[in-house]
């Protein structure tokens, strides 16, 4: 846990206005991951090929899940949790970005341009869960779910697609006016 907390200074240096996409991951089915060089975002599907829409169809709270088409995680956070980039995808997020995802920088309702698409940050929190603990350990969950972790959105954010578009590895992510 001390090693993770020592990483906070580096995480807090994440770009706050303009960053980059470091990894794109599609989840075609439960517990399956596919790294992509590029992805297409649509209002209806989220990331094309991802199983988000299938999971929503089986949910009792579909209105909440409409705002959680996508999840983004700060790549500096996942790098602090696991030194092996091949394990990043196990976190279950679609986009790993070198960008400040803190509540202070991008509160819910903030719009972000990612590649040529525009997404909107959801109010629903994205927290570490049982699967995250199984994959990365209890200390990782304590770290991302701590008070500071939640303020900085260390586990990441939920978002929905506002304007369809394409995202490629290395694409820019930046705040845009609503």
Protein backbone atom coordinates (compact mmCIF):
# COMPACT_ATOMS: atom_id res chain seq x y z
CA UNK A 1 0.00 0.00 0.00
CA UNK A 2 2.87 2.38 0.80
CA UNK A 3 4.24 1.91 -2.74
CA UNK A 4 0.87 2.84 -4.21
CA UNK A 5 0.54 5.92 -2.01
CA UNK A 6 4.05 6.97 -3.06
CA UNK A 7 2.75 6.94 -6.66
CA UNK A 8 0.19 9.68 -5.91
CA UNK A 9 2.64 12.49 -6.71
CA UNK A 10 3.25 11.06 -10.19
CA UNK A 11 -0.47 10.42 -10.75
CA UNK A 12 -1.30 14.00 -9.74
CA UNK A 13 1.07 15.25 -12.49
CA UNK A 14 -1.24 13.82 -15.16
CA UNK A 15 -2.12 16.37 -17.86
CA UNK A 16 -5.29 18.26 -17.00
CA UNK A 17 -6.15 19.86 -20.34
CA UNK A 18 -4.88 17.52 -23.03
CA UNK A 19 -3.62 13.94 -22.70
CA UNK A 20 -3.34 10.77 -24.76
CA UNK A 21 -4.95 7.36 -25.13
CA UNK A 22 -2.43 4.72 -24.03
CA UNK A 23 -4.57 1.59 -24.47
CA UNK A 24 -7.96 0.65 -25.96
CA UNK A 25 -9.61 -2.57 -24.79
CA UNK A 26 -12.81 -4.15 -26.05
CA UNK A 27 -14.70 -6.69 -23.94
CA UNK A 28 -16.45 -8.85 -26.57
CA UNK A 29 -17.87 -11.22 -23.94
CA UNK A 30 -17.69 -11.80 -20.20
CA UNK A 31 -14.07 -12.14 -18.98
CA UNK A 32 -12.69 -11.71 -22.52
CA UNK A 33 -10.47 -8.81 -23.55
CA UNK A 34 -9.22 -7.66 -26.92
CA UNK A 35 -6.69 -4.86 -27.32
CA UNK A 36 -7.50 -2.57 -30.23
CA UNK A 37 -5.39 -0.18 -32.31
CA UNK A 38 -8.53 1.83 -32.99
CA UNK A 39 -12.17 1.80 -31.96
CA UNK A 40 -15.43 3.27 -33.13
CA UNK A 41 -17.78 4.92 -30.62
CA UNK A 42 -21.51 5.22 -31.29
CA UNK A 43 -24.36 6.60 -29.22
CA UNK A 44 -26.25 3.29 -29.44
CA UNK A 45 -23.43 0.82 -28.83
CA UNK A 46 -20.67 2.67 -26.97
CA UNK A 47 -17.43 1.03 -28.18
CA UNK A 48 -18.33 -1.15 -31.17
CA UNK A 49 -17.66 -4.81 -30.35
CA UNK A 50 -17.81 -4.29 -26.58
CA UNK A 51 -20.43 -6.19 -24.57
CA UNK A 52 -21.74 -3.10 -22.75
CA UNK A 53 -25.13 -3.18 -24.49
CA UNK A 54 -25.60 -6.90 -23.71
CA UNK A 55 -24.87 -6.25 -20.01
CA UNK A 56 -27.35 -3.34 -19.94
CA UNK A 57 -30.11 -5.48 -21.46
CA UNK A 58 -29.86 -7.85 -18.48
CA UNK A 59 -29.71 -5.08 -15.87
CA UNK A 60 -32.51 -4.09 -13.51
CA UNK A 61 -31.33 -0.45 -13.54
CA UNK A 62 -31.01 0.32 -17.24
CA UNK A 63 -31.26 4.10 -16.81
CA UNK A 64 -28.03 4.20 -14.77
CA UNK A 65 -26.24 1.94 -17.23
CA UNK A 66 -27.15 4.21 -20.16
CA UNK A 67 -24.68 6.71 -18.66
CA UNK A 68 -21.96 4.09 -18.21
CA UNK A 69 -21.27 2.95 -21.76
CA UNK A 70 -17.57 3.56 -21.31
CA UNK A 71 -15.04 3.43 -18.53
CA UNK A 72 -11.76 5.29 -18.57
CA UNK A 73 -8.85 4.80 -16.19
CA UNK A 74 -5.74 6.91 -15.73
CA UNK A 75 -2.83 4.94 -17.18
CA UNK A 76 -0.51 6.20 -14.42
CA UNK A 77 -2.80 4.62 -11.82
CA UNK A 78 -2.95 1.20 -13.47
CA UNK A 79 0.83 1.36 -14.06
CA UNK A 80 1.31 1.94 -10.31
CA UNK A 81 -0.97 -1.01 -9.51
CA UNK A 82 0.64 -3.43 -11.96
CA UNK A 83 4.04 -2.89 -13.53
CA UNK A 84 3.13 -5.27 -16.37
CA UNK A 85 1.22 -3.44 -19.12
CA UNK A 86 -0.13 -6.78 -20.37
CA UNK A 87 -2.22 -6.88 -17.17
CA UNK A 88 -3.82 -3.43 -17.58
CA UNK A 89 -6.72 -4.87 -19.56
CA UNK A 90 -7.74 -7.00 -16.57
CA UNK A 91 -9.06 -3.86 -14.87
CA UNK A 92 -11.96 -4.05 -17.33
CA UNK A 93 -11.90 -0.51 -18.68
CA UNK A 94 -12.06 0.35 -22.37
CA UNK A 95 -9.72 3.34 -22.34
CA UNK A 96 -6.50 3.88 -20.40
CA UNK A 97 -5.48 7.51 -20.70
CA UNK A 98 -2.67 9.75 -19.56
CA UNK A 99 -5.10 12.41 -18.34
CA UNK A 100 -6.28 13.85 -15.01
CA UNK A 101 -9.63 12.16 -14.34
CA UNK A 102 -10.11 13.77 -10.90
CA UNK A 103 -13.46 15.19 -9.84
CA UNK A 104 -11.79 18.60 -9.53
CA UNK A 105 -10.63 18.51 -13.15
CA UNK A 106 -13.60 16.80 -14.82
CA UNK A 107 -16.73 16.79 -12.66
CA UNK A 108 -19.80 14.90 -13.88
CA UNK A 109 -21.27 16.54 -16.96
CA UNK A 110 -17.84 17.49 -18.35
CA UNK A 111 -17.44 16.73 -22.02
CA UNK A 112 -14.25 15.24 -23.35
CA UNK A 113 -13.07 14.88 -26.92
CA UNK A 114 -11.38 11.51 -27.30
CA UNK A 115 -10.14 10.97 -30.83
CA UNK A 116 -12.95 12.38 -32.99
CA UNK A 117 -15.72 11.39 -30.53
CA UNK A 118 -17.18 13.42 -27.68
CA UNK A 119 -18.10 11.74 -24.43
CA UNK A 120 -19.73 13.03 -21.24
CA UNK A 121 -18.55 12.15 -17.73
CA UNK A 122 -21.28 10.38 -15.74
CA UNK A 123 -22.18 11.09 -12.11
CA UNK A 124 -22.17 7.37 -11.27
CA UNK A 125 -18.90 6.51 -9.50
CA UNK A 126 -16.56 3.86 -10.85
CA UNK A 127 -15.18 1.99 -7.84
CA UNK A 128 -12.95 -0.99 -7.24
CA UNK A 129 -14.98 -4.18 -6.83
CA UNK A 130 -14.51 -7.84 -5.94
CA UNK A 131 -13.14 -8.66 -9.41
CA UNK A 132 -10.65 -5.79 -9.17
CA UNK A 133 -9.49 -7.13 -5.77
CA UNK A 134 -9.12 -10.65 -7.17
CA UNK A 135 -7.00 -9.39 -10.06
CA UNK A 136 -4.89 -6.74 -8.32
CA UNK A 137 -5.18 -7.39 -4.57
CA UNK A 138 -6.95 -5.84 -1.61
CA UNK A 139 -4.40 -3.03 -1.26
CA UNK A 140 -5.18 -1.88 -4.80
CA UNK A 141 -8.89 -1.68 -3.96
CA UNK A 142 -8.18 0.19 -0.72
CA UNK A 143 -6.01 2.61 -2.70
CA UNK A 144 -8.54 3.40 -5.44
CA UNK A 145 -11.55 3.44 -3.07
CA UNK A 146 -9.89 5.59 -0.37
CA UNK A 147 -11.20 9.12 0.21
CA UNK A 148 -8.31 10.56 -1.83
CA UNK A 149 -8.73 7.80 -4.41
CA UNK A 150 -12.37 8.71 -4.93
CA UNK A 151 -11.61 12.45 -5.21
CA UNK A 152 -8.98 11.69 -7.82
CA UNK A 153 -11.15 9.02 -9.49
CA UNK A 154 -8.24 6.61 -9.28
CA UNK A 155 -10.46 3.69 -10.29
CA UNK A 156 -11.56 5.74 -13.26
CA UNK A 157 -14.75 7.28 -14.55
CA UNK A 158 -17.93 6.24 -16.31
CA UNK A 159 -18.98 8.10 -19.45
CA UNK A 160 -21.43 8.00 -22.33
CA UNK A 161 -21.03 8.84 -26.00
CA UNK A 162 -22.47 12.22 -27.03
CA UNK A 163 -20.97 12.50 -30.54
CA UNK A 164 -19.88 9.34 -32.41
CA UNK A 165 -16.34 9.07 -33.68
CA UNK A 166 -13.12 7.10 -33.86
CA UNK A 167 -10.37 6.68 -31.28
CA UNK A 168 -6.91 5.35 -32.06
CA UNK A 169 -3.95 4.52 -29.87
CA UNK A 170 -2.23 7.80 -29.09
CA UNK A 171 -5.36 9.85 -29.82
CA UNK A 172 -5.72 13.08 -27.92
CA UNK A 173 -8.15 13.36 -25.01
CA UNK A 174 -9.11 16.89 -23.98
CA UNK A 175 -11.84 18.89 -22.29
CA UNK A 176 -14.33 20.62 -24.58
CA UNK A 177 -17.04 23.19 -24.00
CA UNK A 178 -20.57 21.75 -23.68
